[in-house]
Amino acid sequence: MLNIRQLFGKSGESLALSYLKKKGYRILETNYRNKMGEIDIIALDKDVIVFVEVKTRQSTFFSHPKEAVTVTKQVTMSRVAQAWLKSRNKNDSKARFDVVAILSDNNTHEIELIKNAFDLRSGT
C-alpha cells in the first residue's frame, strides 16, 4: 500500500506522462527498475531515447523540484540507462536525460520540461 508521499509522487508521474505525450514523446516504459536503480519514464522524442526523471513538489520551500536531481541520482540514472540500452542492443542510439519538474498545489500544476538536464555521469 502506498503512503501519501508515494501517492503524490505517482500523481506527478501521471501528470508528466500526459504532458510528455502532448509534447510528442512516445512512451516506451514507466518505472523501469534493475538492480542499480530506477528510471521514471523512458520515451522516444523523434529519434532520441529519453530517460526522464520526474520531481514533484508542493512548494519551493526546500528547493525547486528541478534542483532535486542530485549528482548521485544522475550517476544512478546513467548506470540504469546504460544497462537498458545494452539490454536492448541500442548502445549506438542517440539518448539524453530530461527532467520534468512539477510544482503541484491542490488543483494547480506548474510543469517544466528540462531537456538535456545533465550529461551521462560516471561514478568516479
PDB file of N, CA and C in Angstrom:
ATOM      1  N   MET A   1       0.838  -1.179   0.000  1.00  0.00           N
ATOM      2  CA  MET A   1       0.000   0.000   0.000  1.00  0.00           C
ATOM      3  C   MET A   1       0.888   1.249   0.000  1.00  0.00           C
ATOM      4  N   LEU A   2       0.524   2.206  -0.808  1.00  0.00           N
ATOM      5  CA  LEU A   2       1.313   3.418  -0.937  1.00  0.00           C
ATOM      6  C   LEU A   2       0.946   4.427   0.146  1.00  0.00           C
ATOM      7  N   ASN A   3       1.978   5.132   0.643  1.00  0.00           N
ATOM      8  CA  ASN A   3       1.710   6.201   1.612  1.00  0.00           C
ATOM      9  C   ASN A   3       1.391   7.496   0.858  1.00  0.00           C
ATOM     10  N   ILE A   4       1.052   8.537   1.593  1.00  0.00           N
ATOM     11  CA  ILE A   4       0.651   9.806   0.975  1.00  0.00           C
ATOM     12  C   ILE A   4       1.751  10.374   0.080  1.00  0.00           C
ATOM     13  N   ARG A   5       2.980  10.296   0.537  1.00  0.00           N
ATOM     14  CA  ARG A   5       4.116  10.815  -0.241  1.00  0.00           C
ATOM     15  C   ARG A   5       4.264  10.060  -1.558  1.00  0.00           C
ATOM     16  N   GLN A   6       4.126   8.729  -1.504  1.00  0.00           N
ATOM     17  CA  GLN A   6       4.231   7.913  -2.709  1.00  0.00           C
ATOM     18  C   GLN A   6       3.076   8.199  -3.670  1.00  0.00           C
ATOM     19  N   LEU A   7       1.876   8.372  -3.127  1.00  0.00           N
ATOM     20  CA  LEU A   7       0.726   8.702  -3.967  1.00  0.00           C
ATOM     21  C   LEU A   7       0.922  10.046  -4.663  1.00  0.00           C
ATOM     22  N   PHE A   8       1.482  11.012  -3.934  1.00  0.00           N
ATOM     23  CA  PHE A   8       1.766  12.325  -4.512  1.00  0.00           C
ATOM     24  C   PHE A   8       2.767  12.185  -5.663  1.00  0.00           C
ATOM     25  N   GLY A   9       3.804  11.377  -5.447  1.00  0.00           N
ATOM     26  CA  GLY A   9       4.795  11.138  -6.494  1.00  0.00           C
ATOM     27  C   GLY A   9       4.191  10.462  -7.710  1.00  0.00           C
ATOM     28  N   LYS A  10       3.320   9.495  -7.485  1.00  0.00           N
ATOM     29  CA  LYS A  10       2.649   8.797  -8.596  1.00  0.00           C
ATOM     30  C   LYS A  10       1.748   9.748  -9.366  1.00  0.00           C
ATOM     31  N   SER A  11       1.080  10.656  -8.671  1.00  0.00           N
ATOM     32  CA  SER A  11       0.224  11.618  -9.378  1.00  0.00           C
ATOM     33  C   SER A  11       1.088  12.550 -10.230  1.00  0.00           C
ATOM     34  N   GLY A  12       2.272  12.898  -9.737  1.00  0.00           N
ATOM     35  CA  GLY A  12       3.200  13.709 -10.527  1.00  0.00           C
ATOM     36  C   GLY A  12       3.662  12.975 -11.766  1.00  0.00           C
ATOM     37  N   GLU A  13       3.963  11.690 -11.624  1.00  0.00           N
ATOM     38  CA  GLU A  13       4.379  10.895 -12.782  1.00  0.00           C
ATOM     39  C   GLU A  13       3.257  10.809 -13.818  1.00  0.00           C
ATOM     40  N   SER A  14       2.033  10.693 -13.353  1.00  0.00           N
ATOM     41  CA  SER A  14       0.887  10.656 -14.261  1.00  0.00           C
ATOM     42  C   SER A  14       0.751  11.980 -15.027  1.00  0.00           C
ATOM     43  N   LEU A  15       0.915  13.099 -14.309  1.00  0.00           N
ATOM     44  CA  LEU A  15       0.895  14.414 -14.971  1.00  0.00           C
ATOM     45  C   LEU A  15       2.017  14.521 -15.997  1.00  0.00           C
ATOM     46  N   ALA A  16       3.204  14.029 -15.637  1.00  0.00           N
ATOM     47  CA  ALA A  16       4.355  14.089 -16.536  1.00  0.00           C
ATOM     48  C   ALA A  16       4.110  13.257 -17.795  1.00  0.00           C
ATOM     49  N   LEU A  17       3.524  12.072 -17.636  1.00  0.00           N
ATOM     50  CA  LEU A  17       3.220  11.229 -18.800  1.00  0.00           C
ATOM     51  C   LEU A  17       2.296  11.951 -19.773  1.00  0.00           C
ATOM     52  N   SER A  18       1.230  12.531 -19.262  1.00  0.00           N
ATOM     53  CA  SER A  18       0.284  13.269 -20.113  1.00  0.00           C
ATOM     54  C   SER A  18       0.974  14.436 -20.803  1.00  0.00           C
ATOM     55  N   TYR A  19       1.783  15.165 -20.042  1.00  0.00           N
ATOM     56  CA  TYR A  19       2.499  16.320 -20.575  1.00  0.00           C
ATOM     57  C   TYR A  19       3.444  15.904 -21.704  1.00  0.00           C
ATOM     58  N   LEU A  20       4.225  14.838 -21.473  1.00  0.00           N
ATOM     59  CA  LEU A  20       5.180  14.383 -22.480  1.00  0.00           C
ATOM     60  C   LEU A  20       4.474  13.876 -23.737  1.00  0.00           C
ATOM     61  N   LYS A  21       3.375  13.190 -23.572  1.00  0.00           N
ATOM     62  CA  LYS A  21       2.612  12.717 -24.735  1.00  0.00           C
ATOM     63  C   LYS A  21       2.129  13.895 -25.566  1.00  0.00           C
ATOM     64  N   LYS A  22       1.654  14.955 -24.902  1.00  0.00           N
ATOM     65  CA  LYS A  22       1.205  16.156 -25.619  1.00  0.00           C
ATOM     66  C   LYS A  22       2.360  16.822 -26.357  1.00  0.00           C
ATOM     67  N   LYS A  23       3.577  16.668 -25.833  1.00  0.00           N
ATOM     68  CA  LYS A  23       4.767  17.241 -26.468  1.00  0.00           C
ATOM     69  C   LYS A  23       5.286  16.347 -27.607  1.00  0.00           C
ATOM     70  N   GLY A  24       4.632  15.198 -27.832  1.00  0.00           N
ATOM     71  CA  GLY A  24       5.023  14.328 -28.932  1.00  0.00           C
ATOM     72  C   GLY A  24       5.934  13.172 -28.550  1.00  0.00           C
ATOM     73  N   TYR A  25       6.214  13.005 -27.273  1.00  0.00           N
ATOM     74  CA  TYR A  25       7.035  11.879 -26.829  1.00  0.00           C
ATOM     75  C   TYR A  25       6.207  10.593 -26.951  1.00  0.00           C
ATOM     76  N   ARG A  26       6.867   9.520 -27.349  1.00  0.00           N
ATOM     77  CA  ARG A  26       6.221   8.203 -27.363  1.00  0.00           C
ATOM     78  C   ARG A  26       6.764   7.427 -26.169  1.00  0.00           C
ATOM     79  N   ILE A  27       5.897   7.060 -25.260  1.00  0.00           N
ATOM     80  CA  ILE A  27       6.315   6.398 -24.019  1.00  0.00           C
ATOM     81  C   ILE A  27       6.670   4.943 -24.315  1.00  0.00           C
ATOM     82  N   LEU A  28       7.880   4.551 -23.909  1.00  0.00           N
ATOM     83  CA  LEU A  28       8.334   3.172 -24.093  1.00  0.00           C
ATOM     84  C   LEU A  28       8.148   2.349 -22.823  1.00  0.00           C
ATOM     85  N   GLU A  29       8.492   2.931 -21.674  1.00  0.00           N
ATOM     86  CA  GLU A  29       8.368   2.241 -20.386  1.00  0.00           C
ATOM     87  C   GLU A  29       8.194   3.260 -19.268  1.00  0.00           C
ATOM     88  N   THR A  30       7.563   2.806 -18.204  1.00  0.00           N
ATOM     89  CA  THR A  30       7.485   3.620 -16.989  1.00  0.00           C
ATOM     90  C   THR A  30       7.998   2.799 -15.821  1.00  0.00           C
ATOM     91  N   ASN A  31       8.575   3.481 -14.880  1.00  0.00           N
ATOM     92  CA  ASN A  31       9.104   2.862 -13.661  1.00  0.00           C
ATOM     93  C   ASN A  31       9.998   1.660 -13.954  1.00  0.00           C
ATOM     94  N   TYR A  32      10.923   1.853 -14.887  1.00  0.00           N
ATOM     95  CA  TYR A  32      11.871   0.790 -15.217  1.00  0.00           C
ATOM     96  C   TYR A  32      12.858   0.622 -14.061  1.00  0.00           C
ATOM     97  N   ARG A  33      13.009  -0.610 -13.610  1.00  0.00           N
ATOM     98  CA  ARG A  33      13.911  -0.897 -12.494  1.00  0.00           C
ATOM     99  C   ARG A  33      14.863  -2.024 -12.879  1.00  0.00           C
ATOM    100  N   ASN A  34      16.077  -1.889 -12.368  1.00  0.00           N
ATOM    101  CA  ASN A  34      17.008  -3.008 -12.372  1.00  0.00           C
ATOM    102  C   ASN A  34      17.757  -2.968 -11.042  1.00  0.00           C
ATOM    103  N   LYS A  35      18.757  -3.801 -10.889  1.00  0.00           N
ATOM    104  CA  LYS A  35      19.431  -3.888  -9.584  1.00  0.00           C
ATOM    105  C   LYS A  35      20.170  -2.601  -9.210  1.00  0.00           C
ATOM    106  N   MET A  36      20.404  -1.714 -10.191  1.00  0.00           N
ATOM    107  CA  MET A  36      21.138  -0.470  -9.932  1.00  0.00           C
ATOM    108  C   MET A  36      20.237   0.704  -9.553  1.00  0.00           C
ATOM    109  N   GLY A  37      18.945   0.612  -9.916  1.00  0.00           N
ATOM    110  CA  GLY A  37      18.065   1.721  -9.611  1.00  0.00           C
ATOM    111  C   GLY A  37      16.847   1.768 -10.503  1.00  0.00           C
ATOM    112  N   GLU A  38      16.270   2.969 -10.629  1.00  0.00           N
ATOM    113  CA  GLU A  38      15.018   3.145 -11.360  1.00  0.00           C
ATOM    114  C   GLU A  38      15.069   4.392 -12.233  1.00  0.00           C
ATOM    115  N   ILE A  39      14.345   4.326 -13.342  1.00  0.00           N
ATOM    116  CA  ILE A  39      14.103   5.494 -14.184  1.00  0.00           C
ATOM    117  C   ILE A  39      12.596   5.628 -14.302  1.00  0.00           C
ATOM    118  N   ASP A  40      12.087   6.824 -14.042  1.00  0.00           N
ATOM    119  CA  ASP A  40      10.645   7.039 -14.014  1.00  0.00           C
ATOM    120  C   ASP A  40       9.988   6.780 -15.366  1.00  0.00           C
ATOM    121  N   ILE A  41      10.551   7.377 -16.413  1.00  0.00           N
ATOM    122  CA  ILE A  41       9.944   7.258 -17.747  1.00  0.00           C
ATOM    123  C   ILE A  41      11.060   7.091 -18.778  1.00  0.00           C
ATOM    124  N   ILE A  42      10.857   6.169 -19.696  1.00  0.00           N
ATOM    125  CA  ILE A  42      11.736   6.025 -20.860  1.00  0.00           C
ATOM    126  C   ILE A  42      10.849   6.262 -22.074  1.00  0.00           C
ATOM    127  N   ALA A  43      11.264   7.212 -22.910  1.00  0.00           N
ATOM    128  CA  ALA A  43      10.418   7.620 -24.026  1.00  0.00           C
ATOM    129  C   ALA A  43      11.260   7.848 -25.272  1.00  0.00           C
ATOM    130  N   LEU A  44      10.566   8.046 -26.363  1.00  0.00           N
ATOM    131  CA  LEU A  44      11.207   8.372 -27.623  1.00  0.00           C
ATOM    132  C   LEU A  44      10.735   9.756 -28.031  1.00  0.00           C
ATOM    133  N   ASP A  45      11.686  10.668 -28.282  1.00  0.00           N
ATOM    134  CA  ASP A  45      11.394  12.005 -28.783  1.00  0.00           C
ATOM    135  C   ASP A  45      12.029  12.086 -30.161  1.00  0.00           C
ATOM    136  N   LYS A  46      11.197  11.895 -31.168  1.00  0.00           N
ATOM    137  CA  LYS A  46      11.668  11.731 -32.546  1.00  0.00           C
ATOM    138  C   LYS A  46      12.567  10.500 -32.595  1.00  0.00           C
ATOM    139  N   ASP A  47      13.867  10.669 -32.837  1.00  0.00           N
ATOM    140  CA  ASP A  47      14.766   9.504 -32.913  1.00  0.00           C
ATOM    141  C   ASP A  47      15.701   9.410 -31.708  1.00  0.00           C
ATOM    142  N   VAL A  48      15.368  10.105 -30.635  1.00  0.00           N
ATOM    143  CA  VAL A  48      16.219  10.133 -29.443  1.00  0.00           C
ATOM    144  C   VAL A  48      15.519   9.390 -28.293  1.00  0.00           C
ATOM    145  N   ILE A  49      16.241   8.463 -27.670  1.00  0.00           N
ATOM    146  CA  ILE A  49      15.732   7.799 -26.481  1.00  0.00           C
ATOM    147  C   ILE A  49      15.946   8.751 -25.308  1.00  0.00           C
ATOM    148  N   VAL A  50      14.884   8.981 -24.553  1.00  0.00           N
ATOM    149  CA  VAL A  50      14.942   9.944 -23.460  1.00  0.00           C
ATOM    150  C   VAL A  50      14.650   9.238 -22.136  1.00  0.00           C
ATOM    151  N   PHE A  51      15.564   9.412 -21.196  1.00  0.00           N
ATOM    152  CA  PHE A  51      15.408   8.885 -19.848  1.00  0.00           C
ATOM    153  C   PHE A  51      14.964  10.064 -18.981  1.00  0.00           C
ATOM    154  N   VAL A  52      13.780   9.941 -18.387  1.00  0.00           N
ATOM    155  CA  VAL A  52      13.151  11.074 -17.725  1.00  0.00           C
ATOM    156  C   VAL A  52      13.038  10.833 -16.220  1.00  0.00           C
ATOM    157  N   GLU A  53      13.478  11.807 -15.463  1.00  0.00           N
ATOM    158  CA  GLU A  53      13.268  11.828 -14.016  1.00  0.00           C
ATOM    159  C   GLU A  53      12.159  12.833 -13.731  1.00  0.00           C
ATOM    160  N   VAL A  54      11.184  12.425 -12.946  1.00  0.00           N
ATOM    161  CA  VAL A  54      10.072  13.295 -12.575  1.00  0.00           C
ATOM    162  C   VAL A  54      10.254  13.700 -11.116  1.00  0.00           C
ATOM    163  N   LYS A  55      10.228  14.992 -10.867  1.00  0.00           N
ATOM    164  CA  LYS A  55      10.309  15.516  -9.500  1.00  0.00           C
ATOM    165  C   LYS A  55       9.094  16.398  -9.255  1.00  0.00           C
ATOM    166  N   THR A  56       8.336  16.052  -8.223  1.00  0.00           N
ATOM    167  CA  THR A  56       7.115  16.780  -7.892  1.00  0.00           C
ATOM    168  C   THR A  56       7.237  17.327  -6.476  1.00  0.00           C
ATOM    169  N   ARG A  57       6.909  18.576  -6.312  1.00  0.00           N
ATOM    170  CA  ARG A  57       6.938  19.223  -5.004  1.00  0.00           C
ATOM    171  C   ARG A  57       5.676  20.057  -4.831  1.00  0.00           C
ATOM    172  N   GLN A  58       5.319  20.297  -3.575  1.00  0.00           N
ATOM    173  CA  GLN A  58       4.178  21.164  -3.278  1.00  0.00           C
ATOM    174  C   GLN A  58       4.596  22.615  -3.141  1.00  0.00           C
ATOM    175  N   SER A  59       5.886  22.843  -2.875  1.00  0.00           N
ATOM    176  CA  SER A  59       6.377  24.214  -2.749  1.00  0.00           C
ATOM    177  C   SER A  59       7.874  24.214  -3.060  1.00  0.00           C
ATOM    178  N   THR A  60       8.417  25.412  -3.114  1.00  0.00           N
ATOM    179  CA  THR A  60       9.865  25.554  -3.332  1.00  0.00           C
ATOM    180  C   THR A  60      10.571  25.888  -2.021  1.00  0.00           C
ATOM    181  N   PHE A  61       9.908  25.616  -0.903  1.00  0.00           N
ATOM    182  CA  PHE A  61      10.467  25.963   0.404  1.00  0.00           C
ATOM    183  C   PHE A  61      11.878  25.399   0.581  1.00  0.00           C
ATOM    184  N   PHE A  62      12.053  24.111   0.272  1.00  0.00           N
ATOM    185  CA  PHE A  62      13.378  23.498   0.426  1.00  0.00           C
ATOM    186  C   PHE A  62      14.213  23.674  -0.841  1.00  0.00           C
ATOM    187  N   SER A  63      13.605  23.531  -1.988  1.00  0.00           N
ATOM    188  CA  SER A  63      14.267  23.757  -3.277  1.00  0.00           C
ATOM    189  C   SER A  63      13.236  23.557  -4.377  1.00  0.00           C
ATOM    190  N   HIS A  64      13.576  24.051  -5.559  1.00  0.00           N
ATOM    191  CA  HIS A  64      12.726  23.815  -6.721  1.00  0.00           C
ATOM    192  C   HIS A  64      12.884  22.339  -7.098  1.00  0.00           C
ATOM    193  N   PRO A  65      11.823  21.704  -7.600  1.00  0.00           N
ATOM    194  CA  PRO A  65      11.933  20.275  -7.916  1.00  0.00           C
ATOM    195  C   PRO A  65      13.065  19.949  -8.885  1.00  0.00           C
ATOM    196  N   LYS A  66      13.365  20.850  -9.830  1.00  0.00           N
ATOM    197  CA  LYS A  66      14.432  20.541 -10.787  1.00  0.00           C
ATOM    198  C   LYS A  66      15.800  20.497 -10.118  1.00  0.00           C
ATOM    199  N   GLU A  67      15.934  21.119  -8.955  1.00  0.00           N
ATOM    200  CA  GLU A  67      17.208  21.096  -8.237  1.00  0.00           C
ATOM    201  C   GLU A  67      17.373  19.826  -7.405  1.00  0.00           C
ATOM    202  N   ALA A  68      16.347  18.988  -7.369  1.00  0.00           N
ATOM    203  CA  ALA A  68      16.373  17.781  -6.544  1.00  0.00           C
ATOM    204  C   ALA A  68      17.027  16.589  -7.249  1.00  0.00           C
ATOM    205  N   VAL A  69      17.446  16.769  -8.489  1.00  0.00           N
ATOM    206  CA  VAL A  69      18.128  15.688  -9.203  1.00  0.00           C
ATOM    207  C   VAL A  69      19.624  15.843  -8.922  1.00  0.00           C
ATOM    208  N   THR A  70      20.051  15.195  -7.864  1.00  0.00           N
ATOM    209  CA  THR A  70      21.423  15.325  -7.369  1.00  0.00           C
ATOM    210  C   THR A  70      22.410  14.597  -8.277  1.00  0.00           C
ATOM    211  N   VAL A  71      23.680  14.858  -8.072  1.00  0.00           N
ATOM    212  CA  VAL A  71      24.728  14.155  -8.821  1.00  0.00           C
ATOM    213  C   VAL A  71      24.622  12.647  -8.578  1.00  0.00           C
ATOM    214  N   THR A  72      24.325  12.256  -7.346  1.00  0.00           N
ATOM    215  CA  THR A  72      24.155  10.831  -7.039  1.00  0.00           C
ATOM    216  C   THR A  72      23.028  10.231  -7.876  1.00  0.00           C
ATOM    217  N   LYS A  73      21.912  10.941  -7.987  1.00  0.00           N
ATOM    218  CA  LYS A  73      20.792  10.469  -8.799  1.00  0.00           C
ATOM    219  C   LYS A  73      21.184  10.425 -10.266  1.00  0.00           C
ATOM    220  N   GLN A  74      21.967  11.392 -10.721  1.00  0.00           N
ATOM    221  CA  GLN A  74      22.415  11.410 -12.107  1.00  0.00           C
ATOM    222  C   GLN A  74      23.304  10.203 -12.419  1.00  0.00           C
ATOM    223  N   VAL A  75      24.192   9.866 -11.501  1.00  0.00           N
ATOM    224  CA  VAL A  75      25.061   8.690 -11.669  1.00  0.00           C
ATOM    225  C   VAL A  75      24.208   7.425 -11.734  1.00  0.00           C
ATOM    226  N   THR A  76      23.248   7.311 -10.822  1.00  0.00           N
ATOM    227  CA  THR A  76      22.367   6.142 -10.811  1.00  0.00           C
ATOM    228  C   THR A  76      21.587   6.036 -12.116  1.00  0.00           C
ATOM    229  N   MET A  77      20.989   7.139 -12.544  1.00  0.00           N
ATOM    230  CA  MET A  77      20.237   7.122 -13.800  1.00  0.00           C
ATOM    231  C   MET A  77      21.128   6.765 -14.981  1.00  0.00           C
ATOM    232  N   SER A  78      22.355   7.262 -14.983  1.00  0.00           N
ATOM    233  CA  SER A  78      23.289   6.950 -16.068  1.00  0.00           C
ATOM    234  C   SER A  78      23.559   5.456 -16.131  1.00  0.00           C
ATOM    235  N   ARG A  79      23.791   4.848 -14.991  1.00  0.00           N
ATOM    236  CA  ARG A  79      24.057   3.401 -14.948  1.00  0.00           C
ATOM    237  C   ARG A  79      22.849   2.598 -15.405  1.00  0.00           C
ATOM    238  N   VAL A  80      21.686   2.970 -14.917  1.00  0.00           N
ATOM    239  CA  VAL A  80      20.456   2.264 -15.288  1.00  0.00           C
ATOM    240  C   VAL A  80      20.190   2.435 -16.791  1.00  0.00           C
ATOM    241  N   ALA A  81      20.379   3.646 -17.296  1.00  0.00           N
ATOM    242  CA  ALA A  81      20.159   3.912 -18.719  1.00  0.00           C
ATOM    243  C   ALA A  81      21.116   3.097 -19.584  1.00  0.00           C
ATOM    244  N   GLN A  82      22.373   3.038 -19.204  1.00  0.00           N
ATOM    245  CA  GLN A  82      23.341   2.257 -19.975  1.00  0.00           C
ATOM    246  C   GLN A  82      22.949   0.784 -19.999  1.00  0.00           C
ATOM    247  N   ALA A  83      22.503   0.262 -18.869  1.00  0.00           N
ATOM    248  CA  ALA A  83      22.072  -1.134 -18.808  1.00  0.00           C
ATOM    249  C   ALA A  83      20.845  -1.359 -19.694  1.00  0.00           C
ATOM    250  N   TRP A  84      19.906  -0.408 -19.674  1.00  0.00           N
ATOM    251  CA  TRP A  84      18.702  -0.521 -20.502  1.00  0.00           C
ATOM    252  C   TRP A  84      19.086  -0.543 -21.976  1.00  0.00           C
ATOM    253  N   LEU A  85      19.944   0.392 -22.382  1.00  0.00           N
ATOM    254  CA  LEU A  85      20.381   0.444 -23.783  1.00  0.00           C
ATOM    255  C   LEU A  85      21.084  -0.849 -24.188  1.00  0.00           C
ATOM    256  N   LYS A  86      21.959  -1.339 -23.342  1.00  0.00           N
ATOM    257  CA  LYS A  86      22.693  -2.577 -23.641  1.00  0.00           C
ATOM    258  C   LYS A  86      21.738  -3.762 -23.757  1.00  0.00           C
ATOM    259  N   SER A  87      20.773  -3.860 -22.854  1.00  0.00           N
ATOM    260  CA  SER A  87      19.850  -4.999 -22.859  1.00  0.00           C
ATOM    261  C   SER A  87      18.956  -5.026 -24.099  1.00  0.00           C
ATOM    262  N   ARG A  88      18.843  -3.910 -24.772  1.00  0.00           N
ATOM    263  CA  ARG A  88      18.007  -3.817 -25.980  1.00  0.00           C
ATOM    264  C   ARG A  88      18.824  -3.590 -27.246  1.00  0.00           C
ATOM    265  N   ASN A  89      20.132  -3.808 -27.141  1.00  0.00           N
ATOM    266  CA  ASN A  89      21.047  -3.623 -28.280  1.00  0.00           C
ATOM    267  C   ASN A  89      20.885  -2.251 -28.920  1.00  0.00           C
ATOM    268  N   LYS A  90      20.805  -1.224 -28.084  1.00  0.00           N
ATOM    269  CA  LYS A  90      20.641   0.150 -28.568  1.00  0.00           C
ATOM    270  C   LYS A  90      21.795   1.043 -28.107  1.00  0.00           C
ATOM    271  N   ASN A  91      22.965   0.453 -27.905  1.00  0.00           N
ATOM    272  CA  ASN A  91      24.113   1.223 -27.437  1.00  0.00           C
ATOM    273  C   ASN A  91      24.495   2.365 -28.371  1.00  0.00           C
ATOM    274  N   ASP A  92      24.192   2.213 -29.663  1.00  0.00           N
ATOM    275  CA  ASP A  92      24.565   3.249 -30.622  1.00  0.00           C
ATOM    276  C   ASP A  92      23.464   4.281 -30.845  1.00  0.00           C
ATOM    277  N   SER A  93      22.373   4.168 -30.116  1.00  0.00           N
ATOM    278  CA  SER A  93      21.257   5.105 -30.265  1.00  0.00           C
ATOM    279  C   SER A  93      21.579   6.447 -29.617  1.00  0.00           C
ATOM    280  N   LYS A  94      20.969   7.497 -30.163  1.00  0.00           N
ATOM    281  CA  LYS A  94      21.057   8.802 -29.512  1.00  0.00           C
ATOM    282  C   LYS A  94      20.196   8.757 -28.258  1.00  0.00           C
ATOM    283  N   ALA A  95      20.712   9.310 -27.179  1.00  0.00           N
ATOM    284  CA  ALA A  95      19.966   9.304 -25.920  1.00  0.00           C
ATOM    285  C   ALA A  95      20.277  10.570 -25.148  1.00  0.00           C
ATOM    286  N   ARG A  96      19.343  10.923 -24.257  1.00  0.00           N
ATOM    287  CA  ARG A  96      19.557  12.083 -23.389  1.00  0.00           C
ATOM    288  C   ARG A  96      18.761  11.890 -22.101  1.00  0.00           C
ATOM    289  N   PHE A  97      19.043  12.797 -21.155  1.00  0.00           N
ATOM    290  CA  PHE A  97      18.355  12.796 -19.866  1.00  0.00           C
ATOM    291  C   PHE A  97      17.550  14.082 -19.735  1.00  0.00           C
ATOM    292  N   ASP A  98      16.251  13.939 -19.502  1.00  0.00           N
ATOM    293  CA  ASP A  98      15.373  15.077 -19.270  1.00  0.00           C
ATOM    294  C   ASP A  98      14.843  15.013 -17.837  1.00  0.00           C
ATOM    295  N   VAL A  99      14.429  16.151 -17.338  1.00  0.00           N
ATOM    296  CA  VAL A  99      13.769  16.221 -16.037  1.00  0.00           C
ATOM    297  C   VAL A  99      12.431  16.927 -16.247  1.00  0.00           C
ATOM    298  N   VAL A 100      11.378  16.357 -15.658  1.00  0.00           N
ATOM    299  CA  VAL A 100      10.094  17.040 -15.602  1.00  0.00           C
ATOM    300  C   VAL A 100       9.919  17.487 -14.158  1.00  0.00           C
ATOM    301  N   ALA A 101       9.905  18.803 -13.952  1.00  0.00           N
ATOM    302  CA  ALA A 101       9.765  19.398 -12.624  1.00  0.00           C
ATOM    303  C   ALA A 101       8.333  19.903 -12.481  1.00  0.00           C
ATOM    304  N   ILE A 102       7.667  19.432 -11.430  1.00  0.00           N
ATOM    305  CA  ILE A 102       6.263  19.781 -11.235  1.00  0.00           C
ATOM    306  C   ILE A 102       6.074  20.421  -9.863  1.00  0.00           C
ATOM    307  N   LEU A 103       5.492  21.605  -9.876  1.00  0.00           N
ATOM    308  CA  LEU A 103       5.020  22.238  -8.645  1.00  0.00           C
ATOM    309  C   LEU A 103       3.510  22.050  -8.631  1.00  0.00           C
ATOM    310  N   SER A 104       3.033  21.351  -7.622  1.00  0.00           N
ATOM    311  CA  SER A 104       1.625  20.993  -7.572  1.00  0.00           C
ATOM    312  C   SER A 104       1.034  21.454  -6.250  1.00  0.00           C
ATOM    313  N   ASP A 105       0.078  22.373  -6.335  1.00  0.00           N
ATOM    314  CA  ASP A 105      -0.581  22.893  -5.140  1.00  0.00           C
ATOM    315  C   ASP A 105      -2.076  22.695  -5.304  1.00  0.00           C
ATOM    316  N   ASN A 106      -2.601  21.682  -4.665  1.00  0.00           N
ATOM    317  CA  ASN A 106      -4.010  21.301  -4.798  1.00  0.00           C
ATOM    318  C   ASN A 106      -4.352  21.022  -6.251  1.00  0.00           C
ATOM    319  N   ASN A 107      -5.127  21.887  -6.895  1.00  0.00           N
ATOM    320  CA  ASN A 107      -5.560  21.614  -8.269  1.00  0.00           C
ATOM    321  C   ASN A 107      -4.774  22.364  -9.327  1.00  0.00           C
ATOM    322  N   THR A 108      -3.755  23.114  -8.953  1.00  0.00           N
ATOM    323  CA  THR A 108      -2.945  23.816  -9.942  1.00  0.00           C
ATOM    324  C   THR A 108      -1.590  23.125 -10.066  1.00  0.00           C
ATOM    325  N   HIS A 109      -1.107  23.066 -11.289  1.00  0.00           N
ATOM    326  CA  HIS A 109       0.150  22.385 -11.555  1.00  0.00           C
ATOM    327  C   HIS A 109       1.001  23.239 -12.490  1.00  0.00           C
ATOM    328  N   GLU A 110       2.225  23.459 -12.092  1.00  0.00           N
ATOM    329  CA  GLU A 110       3.192  24.146 -12.937  1.00  0.00           C
ATOM    330  C   GLU A 110       4.206  23.093 -13.378  1.00  0.00           C
ATOM    331  N   ILE A 111       4.254  22.834 -14.684  1.00  0.00           N
ATOM    332  CA  ILE A 111       5.114  21.773 -15.209  1.00  0.00           C
ATOM    333  C   ILE A 111       6.206  22.400 -16.067  1.00  0.00           C
ATOM    334  N   GLU A 112       7.444  22.000 -15.806  1.00  0.00           N
ATOM    335  CA  GLU A 112       8.594  22.480 -16.580  1.00  0.00           C
ATOM    336  C   GLU A 112       9.368  21.277 -17.091  1.00  0.00           C
ATOM    337  N   LEU A 113       9.635  21.275 -18.385  1.00  0.00           N
ATOM    338  CA  LEU A 113      10.445  20.233 -19.013  1.00  0.00           C
ATOM    339  C   LEU A 113      11.847  20.772 -19.236  1.00  0.00           C
ATOM    340  N   ILE A 114      12.831  20.095 -18.667  1.00  0.00           N
ATOM    341  CA  ILE A 114      14.221  20.484 -18.862  1.00  0.00           C
ATOM    342  C   ILE A 114      14.866  19.414 -19.735  1.00  0.00           C
ATOM    343  N   LYS A 115      15.040  19.744 -21.016  1.00  0.00           N
ATOM    344  CA  LYS A 115      15.672  18.805 -21.947  1.00  0.00           C
ATOM    345  C   LYS A 115      17.184  18.852 -21.738  1.00  0.00           C
ATOM    346  N   ASN A 116      17.827  17.705 -21.928  1.00  0.00           N
ATOM    347  CA  ASN A 116      19.281  17.620 -21.736  1.00  0.00           C
ATOM    348  C   ASN A 116      19.677  18.174 -20.371  1.00  0.00           C
ATOM    349  N   ALA A 117      18.973  17.745 -19.351  1.00  0.00           N
ATOM    350  CA  ALA A 117      19.176  18.274 -17.999  1.00  0.00           C
ATOM    351  C   ALA A 117      20.578  17.997 -17.473  1.00  0.00           C
ATOM    352  N   PHE A 118      21.156  16.883 -17.879  1.00  0.00           N
ATOM    353  CA  PHE A 118      22.522  16.550 -17.475  1.00  0.00           C
ATOM    354  C   PHE A 118      23.103  15.566 -18.462  1.00  0.00           C
ATOM    355  N   ASP A 119      24.427  15.452 -18.434  1.00  0.00           N
ATOM    356  CA  ASP A 119      25.139  14.521 -19.305  1.00  0.00           C
ATOM    357  C   ASP A 119      25.320  13.185 -18.601  1.00  0.00           C
ATOM    358  N   LEU A 120      25.678  12.192 -19.372  1.00  0.00           N
ATOM    359  CA  LEU A 120      25.994  10.881 -18.823  1.00  0.00           C
ATOM    360  C   LEU A 120      27.045  11.032 -17.743  1.00  0.00           C
ATOM    361  N   ARG A 121      26.803  10.428 -16.595  1.00  0.00           N
ATOM    362  CA  ARG A 121      27.717  10.552 -15.443  1.00  0.00           C
ATOM    363  C   ARG A 121      28.316   9.209 -15.079  1.00  0.00           C
ATOM    364  N   SER A 122      29.562   9.247 -14.707  1.00  0.00           N
ATOM    365  CA  SER A 122      30.182   8.032 -14.153  1.00  0.00           C
ATOM    366  C   SER A 122      30.326   8.228 -12.648  1.00  0.00           C
ATOM    367  N   GLY A 123      30.495   7.150 -11.958  1.00  0.00           N
ATOM    368  CA  GLY A 123      30.576   7.218 -10.504  1.00  0.00           C
ATOM    369  C   GLY A 123      31.953   7.515  -9.988  1.00  0.00           C
ATOM    370  N   THR A 124      32.857   7.931 -10.854  1.00  0.00           N
ATOM    371  CA  THR A 124      34.231   8.220 -10.405  1.00  0.00           C
ATOM    372  C   THR A 124      34.440   9.684 -10.160  1.00  0.00           C
TER     373      THR A 124
END
